[in-house]
Amino acid sequence: MAKSTSERFSVDDLIAVSGLKEVSAMARGAGFNMAVGLGNARSVQLTRDRDRALRRGDAARAAELGALIDWQGRLNIALISEAERETVVPMPVNAEQAAYRGRVTNGGRGQPRFTVELVDASGDCIAEDETGPRGAFTLAHAPSESAPAIRVSDEKGRVLLLKGALKPLAAGRSAYIEVPIDGLAPQTPPKKPPKGGAPANVIVPSVVGLPLTDARRVLKDVALAARKAGEVLVPGEAGCIVRQDPAAGNAIEVGGIVALIVGAPEDKGFPDLSGKTLKAADAAVRELNLRRDTVVLVPDKKNAGNVVGQSPKADGIFTPETRVLLRVATGDGKADIATVIACFGSDPRMEALKVSEATLRNRLKAAEVAGIEDLRKVVSAGADVFAKRMGIKDKRTARLVQVTLGEIARKFPEGS
């Protein structure tokens, strides 16, 4: 009986957070449940410490604890997902059969009532199952030497994902597979080819795991173009494709572009962001196909506006799941406003706000906001007063901008 060796948490990590010495599937599940309880208790304690810091007027410490609370919350969600995953234990299979067992997940949580099919190279269904309450499925089938694929469809039968190039299983063997569908929309069916012409659409092949040169050739063979969109450090995958967008199985127009994320050389560590502005640091993080998860603002007038600390450390190991934390110095009015604009620009609500960074800069200037204290006064005003000073006519947009800027202003230590 085989189980995938790909895990979000190592055995050592589990022992560290729960003190558990047993490493069987059932014991690991119990250990994760224990870790979830400890994580929830840690979140409560951090919240109390933050509130205590606020009462003392220690805004810098409160901001740092707030970042830790956010991080602990994400860790708790990941641990809950792992606890669910451990309940999907590959059971023994018939000696004449093989089986893929696993979960369909979204945001780390199991998704029920999805159809999962095992298909051969021609697209014919070999095995089929519907996911249970925790997203679990089992695909028992006759063993074959050819590499099958997994196809996931929603309740309306619309295909969300076609994951190919699975490792064939021998008779009597089973393996665990996690199938994330985060952010995937139902695939658009191919257009009918024009009479006497080539198809208008083409199905994107899977190039994950191939060297970049081979991936470009495979895509070229089906009239698609490749674009290297960045690198991430994945042990053992240097120079190979670790992610593609659109994913395999999607239908796109002939001549379309497939963005490829390539495994970085293993001697290439995380860059040193010290001295960069927050905007420049964010750009450097995006080039690695990562995202800046948290920014902690600390008083340091000499280096105001620049990064003075980071996680991961310079030259440190990073993976596609790495979340980046940056410490940015404050204390100079002009630099602080630049940091505010960078925080605003990276806020996921920016698209809904429809206010660009350049527009925000001009509106803050028109409102005579030259530093954080000015900003605090503006955002603490009534909604109508704020909208008038910022020159925003749409009330909903003005309110969203006010709330967002208020949240950013509260991250700055007192005296900034």
Protein backbone atom coordinates (compact mmCIF):
# COMPACT_ATOMS: atom_id res chain seq x y z
CA MET A 1 0.00 0.00 0.00
CA ALA A 2 1.55 3.29 -1.08
CA LYS A 3 0.76 6.79 -0.03
CA SER A 4 1.92 10.02 -1.60
CA THR A 5 4.99 11.45 0.07
CA SER A 6 3.83 14.99 -0.67
CA GLU A 7 2.73 16.57 2.61
CA ARG A 8 2.21 20.11 3.77
CA PHE A 9 3.56 19.31 7.23
CA SER A 10 6.47 17.01 7.96
CA VAL A 11 6.47 14.45 10.77
CA ASP A 12 8.95 16.64 12.64
CA ASP A 13 6.57 19.60 12.31
CA LEU A 14 3.74 17.51 13.72
CA ILE A 15 5.81 16.31 16.66
CA ALA A 16 6.87 19.90 17.35
CA VAL A 17 3.31 21.25 17.52
CA SER A 18 1.60 18.34 19.26
CA GLY A 19 4.26 16.26 21.03
CA LEU A 20 2.94 13.16 19.27
CA LYS A 21 5.40 10.28 18.76
CA GLU A 22 3.16 7.95 16.73
CA VAL A 23 3.20 8.56 12.98
CA SER A 24 0.55 6.18 11.67
CA ALA A 25 -2.29 7.71 9.65
CA MET A 26 -4.79 7.53 12.52
CA ALA A 27 -2.29 8.88 15.03
CA ARG A 28 -1.30 11.69 12.68
CA GLY A 29 -4.96 12.65 12.34
CA ALA A 30 -5.31 12.77 16.12
CA GLY A 31 -2.10 14.78 16.31
CA PHE A 32 -3.39 17.38 13.86
CA ASN A 33 -6.64 17.68 15.84
CA MET A 34 -4.55 18.29 18.95
CA ALA A 35 -2.46 20.85 17.05
CA VAL A 36 -5.65 22.64 15.98
CA GLY A 37 -6.70 22.93 19.64
CA LEU A 38 -3.29 24.28 20.59
CA GLY A 39 -3.41 26.70 17.65
CA ASN A 40 -6.82 28.03 18.69
CA ALA A 41 -5.54 28.55 22.22
CA ARG A 42 -2.52 30.36 20.80
CA SER A 43 -4.79 32.65 18.77
CA VAL A 44 -6.76 33.54 21.93
CA GLN A 45 -3.55 34.31 23.83
CA LEU A 46 -2.16 36.46 21.00
CA THR A 47 -5.43 38.41 20.86
CA ARG A 48 -5.26 39.07 24.60
CA ASP A 49 -1.63 40.20 24.29
CA ARG A 50 -2.52 42.53 21.44
CA ASP A 51 -5.41 44.08 23.39
CA ARG A 52 -3.09 44.52 26.37
CA ALA A 53 -0.54 46.26 24.15
CA LEU A 54 -3.22 48.60 22.81
CA ARG A 55 -4.27 49.52 26.34
CA ARG A 56 -0.63 50.34 27.13
CA GLY A 57 -0.44 52.50 24.03
CA ASP A 58 2.23 50.27 22.47
CA ALA A 59 0.97 50.46 18.87
CA ALA A 60 4.10 48.89 17.35
CA ARG A 61 3.80 45.78 19.52
CA ALA A 62 0.05 45.63 18.85
CA ALA A 63 0.67 45.76 15.08
CA GLU A 64 3.24 42.97 15.33
CA LEU A 65 0.87 40.82 17.37
CA GLY A 66 -1.88 41.52 14.84
CA ALA A 67 0.33 40.08 12.11
CA LEU A 68 1.01 37.01 14.24
CA ILE A 69 -2.74 36.57 14.82
CA ASP A 70 -3.31 36.60 11.06
CA TRP A 71 -0.51 34.07 10.52
CA GLN A 72 -1.80 31.80 13.30
CA GLY A 73 -5.29 31.90 11.79
CA ARG A 74 -3.98 30.72 8.44
CA LEU A 75 -1.96 28.00 10.15
CA ASN A 76 -5.07 26.82 11.98
CA ILE A 77 -6.97 26.54 8.69
CA ALA A 78 -4.11 24.54 7.16
CA LEU A 79 -4.02 22.21 10.17
CA ILE A 80 -7.78 21.61 9.96
CA SER A 81 -7.33 20.71 6.30
CA GLU A 82 -4.53 18.28 7.17
CA ALA A 83 -6.68 16.69 9.89
CA GLU A 84 -9.42 16.13 7.29
CA ARG A 85 -6.87 14.73 4.85
CA GLU A 86 -5.66 12.13 7.34
CA THR A 87 -9.18 10.65 7.51
CA VAL A 88 -8.85 9.65 3.85
CA VAL A 89 -6.58 6.66 4.51
CA PRO A 90 -5.72 4.46 1.50
CA MET A 91 -7.23 1.09 2.40
CA PRO A 92 -6.08 -2.27 0.99
CA VAL A 93 -7.43 -3.03 -2.46
CA ASN A 94 -8.29 -6.23 -4.31
CA ALA A 95 -5.13 -8.02 -5.49
CA GLU A 96 -6.31 -7.63 -9.10
CA GLN A 97 -7.05 -3.91 -8.78
CA ALA A 98 -5.29 -0.60 -8.14
CA ALA A 99 -6.85 2.52 -6.60
CA TYR A 100 -6.29 6.25 -6.36
CA ARG A 101 -7.78 7.73 -3.19
CA GLY A 102 -7.78 11.34 -2.19
CA ARG A 103 -9.71 14.58 -1.76
CA VAL A 104 -11.00 17.41 -3.92
CA THR A 105 -10.26 20.63 -2.02
CA ASN A 106 -10.88 24.35 -2.28
CA GLY A 107 -8.90 26.56 0.07
CA GLY A 108 -7.67 23.41 1.79
CA ARG A 109 -11.18 22.19 2.68
CA GLY A 110 -12.82 19.10 1.20
CA GLN A 111 -15.53 19.70 -1.42
CA PRO A 112 -18.55 17.33 -1.47
CA ARG A 113 -20.68 16.23 -4.43
CA PHE A 114 -18.03 16.65 -7.14
CA THR A 115 -17.64 13.96 -9.80
CA VAL A 116 -14.12 12.53 -10.11
CA GLU A 117 -13.22 10.34 -13.07
CA LEU A 118 -10.10 8.40 -13.96
CA VAL A 119 -9.63 8.65 -17.75
CA ASP A 120 -7.23 7.06 -20.21
CA ALA A 121 -5.21 8.75 -22.96
CA SER A 122 -8.22 8.80 -25.29
CA GLY A 123 -10.42 10.46 -22.67
CA ASP A 124 -12.53 7.39 -21.90
CA CYS A 125 -13.64 6.94 -18.29
CA ILE A 126 -11.95 4.05 -16.44
CA ALA A 127 -13.41 4.68 -12.97
CA GLU A 128 -15.77 7.20 -11.42
CA ASP A 129 -16.79 8.37 -7.93
CA GLU A 130 -18.60 11.25 -6.23
CA THR A 131 -16.82 13.09 -3.42
CA GLY A 132 -18.14 12.61 0.10
CA PRO A 133 -18.74 15.20 2.86
CA ARG A 134 -14.98 15.81 3.25
CA GLY A 135 -14.22 15.72 -0.45
CA ALA A 136 -12.98 12.11 -0.41
CA PHE A 137 -13.08 9.87 -3.46
CA THR A 138 -11.89 6.37 -4.46
CA LEU A 139 -11.06 5.34 -8.01
CA ALA A 140 -10.55 1.56 -8.11
CA HIS A 141 -9.54 0.24 -11.54
CA ALA A 142 -7.74 -2.48 -13.42
CA PRO A 143 -3.99 -1.75 -13.36
CA SER A 144 -2.43 -0.44 -16.56
CA GLU A 145 1.05 0.58 -17.69
CA SER A 146 -0.23 3.81 -19.30
CA ALA A 147 -0.42 7.03 -17.28
CA PRO A 148 -4.07 7.93 -16.56
CA ALA A 149 -5.56 11.35 -15.79
CA ILE A 150 -8.12 12.63 -13.28
CA ARG A 151 -11.07 14.71 -14.44
CA VAL A 152 -13.13 16.73 -11.94
CA SER A 153 -16.62 18.04 -12.73
CA ASP A 154 -19.09 20.08 -10.70
CA GLU A 155 -22.70 19.16 -9.89
CA LYS A 156 -23.82 20.41 -13.33
CA GLY A 157 -21.32 18.20 -15.12
CA ARG A 158 -19.04 21.07 -16.11
CA VAL A 159 -15.35 20.12 -16.20
CA LEU A 160 -13.19 22.09 -13.75
CA LEU A 161 -9.89 20.28 -13.98
CA LEU A 162 -8.08 17.62 -16.01
CA LYS A 163 -4.97 16.51 -14.15
CA GLY A 164 -2.80 14.23 -16.27
CA ALA A 165 0.40 12.20 -16.15
CA LEU A 166 -0.42 10.26 -12.96
CA LYS A 167 2.02 7.52 -12.04
CA PRO A 168 0.52 4.13 -13.02
CA LEU A 169 -0.20 1.79 -10.08
CA ALA A 170 0.55 -1.91 -9.98
CA ALA A 171 -2.05 -4.48 -8.93
CA GLY A 172 -2.83 -4.39 -5.21
CA ARG A 173 -1.42 -0.86 -4.80
CA SER A 174 -3.14 2.39 -3.83
CA ALA A 175 -2.01 6.01 -3.61
CA TYR A 176 -3.30 9.27 -2.13
CA ILE A 177 -3.84 12.31 -4.36
CA GLU A 178 -4.92 15.81 -3.31
CA VAL A 179 -6.79 17.63 -6.11
CA PRO A 180 -7.10 21.39 -5.41
CA ILE A 181 -9.64 23.32 -7.49
CA ASP A 182 -8.95 26.71 -5.90
CA GLY A 183 -10.28 29.52 -8.08
CA LEU A 184 -11.03 27.26 -11.07
CA ALA A 185 -14.03 28.16 -13.20
CA PRO A 186 -15.85 25.67 -15.44
CA GLN A 187 -13.91 25.23 -18.66
CA THR A 188 -15.28 26.75 -21.83
CA PRO A 189 -16.07 24.01 -24.36
CA PRO A 190 -14.07 24.20 -27.58
CA LYS A 191 -15.59 26.22 -30.40
CA LYS A 192 -16.76 24.35 -33.47
CA PRO A 193 -14.12 24.51 -36.18
CA PRO A 194 -14.96 26.73 -39.15
CA LYS A 195 -15.80 24.88 -42.34
CA GLY A 196 -12.68 23.90 -44.21
CA GLY A 197 -10.42 25.52 -41.61
CA ALA A 198 -8.40 24.64 -38.53
CA PRO A 199 -10.08 24.47 -35.09
CA ALA A 200 -10.52 27.91 -33.47
CA ASN A 201 -9.65 26.44 -30.05
CA VAL A 202 -7.12 23.93 -28.83
CA ILE A 203 -6.93 21.90 -25.61
CA VAL A 204 -3.94 22.89 -23.44
CA PRO A 205 -1.63 19.90 -22.87
CA SER A 206 0.06 19.21 -19.53
CA VAL A 207 3.71 20.32 -19.45
CA VAL A 208 4.22 20.21 -15.67
CA GLY A 209 7.38 18.28 -14.88
CA LEU A 210 8.97 18.85 -18.29
CA PRO A 211 12.16 20.87 -18.85
CA LEU A 212 11.38 24.36 -20.15
CA THR A 213 12.74 23.59 -23.64
CA ASP A 214 10.55 20.48 -23.95
CA ALA A 215 7.52 22.36 -22.62
CA ARG A 216 7.94 25.03 -25.29
CA ARG A 217 8.16 22.32 -27.97
CA VAL A 218 5.03 20.50 -26.72
CA LEU A 219 3.04 23.73 -26.72
CA LYS A 220 4.36 24.73 -30.14
CA ASP A 221 3.22 21.38 -31.54
CA VAL A 222 -0.40 22.30 -30.71
CA ALA A 223 -0.07 25.89 -31.97
CA LEU A 224 0.32 27.50 -28.55
CA ALA A 225 3.03 29.86 -27.27
CA ALA A 226 4.93 29.61 -23.97
CA ARG A 227 5.84 32.47 -21.66
CA LYS A 228 8.16 32.04 -18.69
CA ALA A 229 6.27 33.81 -15.90
CA GLY A 230 8.72 33.33 -13.03
CA GLU A 231 10.67 30.87 -10.91
CA VAL A 232 10.07 29.19 -7.58
CA LEU A 233 12.35 26.97 -5.56
CA VAL A 234 11.02 23.40 -5.53
CA PRO A 235 13.53 20.74 -4.44
CA GLY A 236 14.35 18.39 -7.29
CA GLU A 237 12.52 20.45 -9.93
CA ALA A 238 15.24 22.90 -11.04
CA GLY A 239 14.70 23.87 -14.68
CA CYS A 240 11.37 22.00 -14.92
CA ILE A 241 7.84 23.34 -15.12
CA VAL A 242 6.15 23.33 -11.70
CA ARG A 243 2.97 25.21 -12.64
CA GLN A 244 1.15 26.30 -15.79
CA ASP A 245 -1.69 28.71 -16.53
CA PRO A 246 -4.09 27.83 -18.11
CA ALA A 247 -4.04 24.36 -16.58
CA ALA A 248 -4.02 21.25 -18.74
CA GLY A 249 -7.42 20.44 -20.21
CA ASN A 250 -8.54 24.03 -20.70
CA ALA A 251 -9.64 25.10 -24.20
CA ILE A 252 -7.99 28.31 -25.47
CA GLU A 253 -7.65 29.96 -28.86
CA VAL A 254 -5.02 28.79 -31.31
CA GLY A 255 -1.91 30.92 -30.80
CA GLY A 256 -2.78 31.56 -27.15
CA ILE A 257 -0.11 31.95 -24.49
CA VAL A 258 0.52 29.52 -21.63
CA ALA A 259 2.33 31.05 -18.64
CA LEU A 260 4.95 28.72 -17.16
CA ILE A 261 6.47 28.77 -13.67
CA VAL A 262 9.89 27.12 -13.69
CA GLY A 263 11.78 25.48 -10.83
CA ALA A 264 14.61 27.74 -9.73
CA PRO A 265 18.20 26.49 -9.31
CA GLU A 266 18.50 24.96 -5.86
CA ASP A 267 21.40 27.26 -4.98
CA LYS A 268 19.17 30.28 -5.58
CA GLY A 269 17.77 31.52 -2.29
CA PHE A 270 15.24 34.21 -1.38
CA PRO A 271 16.41 37.72 -2.38
CA ASP A 272 17.63 40.37 0.06
CA LEU A 273 14.89 43.03 0.13
CA SER A 274 16.57 45.28 2.71
CA GLY A 275 16.62 48.92 1.68
CA LYS A 276 13.88 48.53 -0.93
CA THR A 277 10.64 50.47 -0.74
CA LEU A 278 7.55 48.42 -0.03
CA LYS A 279 6.40 48.84 -3.62
CA ALA A 280 9.76 47.63 -5.00
CA ALA A 281 9.86 44.73 -2.52
CA ASP A 282 6.34 43.67 -3.51
CA ALA A 283 7.41 43.70 -7.18
CA ALA A 284 10.43 41.51 -6.37
CA VAL A 285 8.21 39.06 -4.49
CA ARG A 286 5.76 38.88 -7.40
CA GLU A 287 8.62 38.07 -9.78
CA LEU A 288 9.12 34.88 -7.74
CA ASN A 289 5.43 34.07 -8.24
CA LEU A 290 4.88 34.56 -4.51
CA ARG A 291 2.83 37.11 -2.65
CA ARG A 292 3.65 39.39 0.24
CA ASP A 293 1.44 38.11 3.03
CA THR A 294 2.01 40.59 5.86
CA VAL A 295 3.65 43.96 6.41
CA VAL A 296 4.66 45.08 9.91
CA LEU A 297 5.39 48.79 10.32
CA VAL A 298 8.10 49.74 12.83
CA PRO A 299 9.39 53.16 13.95
CA ASP A 300 12.77 53.96 12.34
CA LYS A 301 12.95 57.48 10.90
CA LYS A 302 16.44 56.97 9.47
CA ASN A 303 15.22 54.16 7.18
CA ALA A 304 11.61 55.33 6.80
CA GLY A 305 9.86 53.88 3.77
CA ASN A 306 12.31 51.00 3.32
CA VAL A 307 12.31 47.32 4.24
CA VAL A 308 14.32 46.68 7.42
CA GLY A 309 13.40 43.03 8.03
CA GLN A 310 11.99 40.07 6.14
CA SER A 311 10.88 36.48 6.31
CA PRO A 312 12.21 34.35 4.67
CA LYS A 313 15.70 35.66 5.34
CA ALA A 314 17.99 36.61 2.47
CA ASP A 315 19.22 33.47 0.63
CA GLY A 316 16.69 31.42 2.60
CA ILE A 317 14.72 28.49 1.21
CA PHE A 318 11.30 29.21 -0.28
CA THR A 319 8.58 27.16 -1.95
CA PRO A 320 5.42 27.99 -3.95
CA GLU A 321 3.50 28.03 -0.63
CA THR A 322 5.89 30.46 1.13
CA ARG A 323 4.20 33.54 2.56
CA VAL A 324 6.39 36.63 2.82
CA LEU A 325 6.47 38.99 5.82
CA LEU A 326 8.15 42.38 5.54
CA ARG A 327 9.07 44.92 8.21
CA VAL A 328 8.98 48.47 6.89
CA ALA A 329 10.39 51.51 8.71
CA THR A 330 8.22 54.58 9.39
CA GLY A 331 8.73 58.05 10.78
CA ASP A 332 9.06 60.36 7.76
CA GLY A 333 5.90 61.94 6.36
CA LYS A 334 6.67 61.64 2.65
CA ALA A 335 8.03 58.11 2.96
CA ASP A 336 5.09 57.06 5.14
CA ILE A 337 2.57 58.26 2.55
CA ALA A 338 4.44 56.29 -0.13
CA THR A 339 4.13 53.22 2.12
CA VAL A 340 0.40 53.90 2.58
CA ILE A 341 -0.07 54.06 -1.19
CA ALA A 342 1.87 50.81 -1.67
CA CYS A 343 -0.26 49.09 0.99
CA PHE A 344 -3.39 50.43 -0.67
CA GLY A 345 -2.22 49.28 -4.10
CA SER A 346 -1.58 45.72 -2.89
CA ASP A 347 -4.91 45.46 -1.05
CA PRO A 348 -7.05 42.76 -2.73
CA ARG A 349 -10.03 45.14 -2.60
CA MET A 350 -8.26 47.63 -4.86
CA GLU A 351 -9.92 46.30 -8.01
CA ALA A 352 -13.37 46.78 -6.45
CA LEU A 353 -12.40 50.29 -5.32
CA LYS A 354 -11.45 51.31 -8.87
CA VAL A 355 -9.02 53.88 -7.45
CA SER A 356 -5.49 53.66 -8.86
CA GLU A 357 -2.37 54.42 -6.83
CA ALA A 358 -1.77 57.56 -8.91
CA THR A 359 -5.32 58.76 -8.30
CA LEU A 360 -4.99 58.08 -4.56
CA ARG A 361 -1.70 60.02 -4.43
CA ASN A 362 -3.32 63.04 -6.09
CA ARG A 363 -6.38 62.92 -3.84
CA LEU A 364 -4.25 62.69 -0.69
CA LYS A 365 -2.24 65.68 -1.89
CA ALA A 366 -5.43 67.64 -2.59
CA ALA A 367 -6.66 66.76 0.92
CA GLU A 368 -3.36 68.14 2.32
CA VAL A 369 -2.33 64.77 3.77
CA ALA A 370 1.42 65.05 4.31
CA GLY A 371 1.88 62.37 6.96
CA ILE A 372 0.19 59.69 9.03
CA GLU A 373 -1.29 62.10 11.58
CA ASP A 374 -2.94 64.01 8.73
CA LEU A 375 -4.25 60.73 7.34
CA ARG A 376 -5.66 59.67 10.72
CA LYS A 377 -7.58 62.94 10.98
CA VAL A 378 -8.99 62.60 7.48
CA VAL A 379 -10.15 58.97 7.85
CA SER A 380 -11.65 59.66 11.30
CA ALA A 381 -13.96 62.32 9.85
CA GLY A 382 -17.54 61.57 8.90
CA ALA A 383 -18.20 59.78 5.62
CA ASP A 384 -19.51 62.90 3.88
CA VAL A 385 -16.59 65.03 5.08
CA PHE A 386 -14.08 62.38 3.96
CA ALA A 387 -15.69 62.07 0.52
CA LYS A 388 -15.65 65.84 0.04
CA ARG A 389 -12.00 66.27 1.12
CA MET A 390 -10.88 63.38 -1.08
CA GLY A 391 -13.02 64.47 -4.01
CA ILE A 392 -14.79 61.12 -4.36
CA LYS A 393 -18.37 61.51 -5.57
CA ASP A 394 -19.54 57.90 -5.36
CA LYS A 395 -20.52 57.26 -1.72
CA ARG A 396 -19.83 53.52 -1.82
CA THR A 397 -16.36 54.01 -3.28
CA ALA A 398 -15.62 56.78 -0.78
CA ARG A 399 -16.64 54.55 2.11
CA LEU A 400 -14.49 51.65 0.90
CA VAL A 401 -11.49 53.94 0.45
CA GLN A 402 -12.05 55.42 3.92
CA VAL A 403 -12.24 51.98 5.56
CA THR A 404 -9.17 50.70 3.71
CA LEU A 405 -7.07 53.77 4.54
CA GLY A 406 -8.24 53.60 8.15
CA GLU A 407 -7.04 50.01 8.44
CA ILE A 408 -3.66 50.96 6.94
CA ALA A 409 -3.29 53.99 9.23
CA ARG A 410 -3.88 51.84 12.32
CA LYS A 411 -0.89 49.67 11.38
CA PHE A 412 1.48 52.64 11.80
CA PRO A 413 3.05 53.03 15.25
CA GLU A 414 2.10 56.11 17.24
CA GLY A 415 4.29 59.10 16.46
CA SER A 416 4.71 58.24 12.80
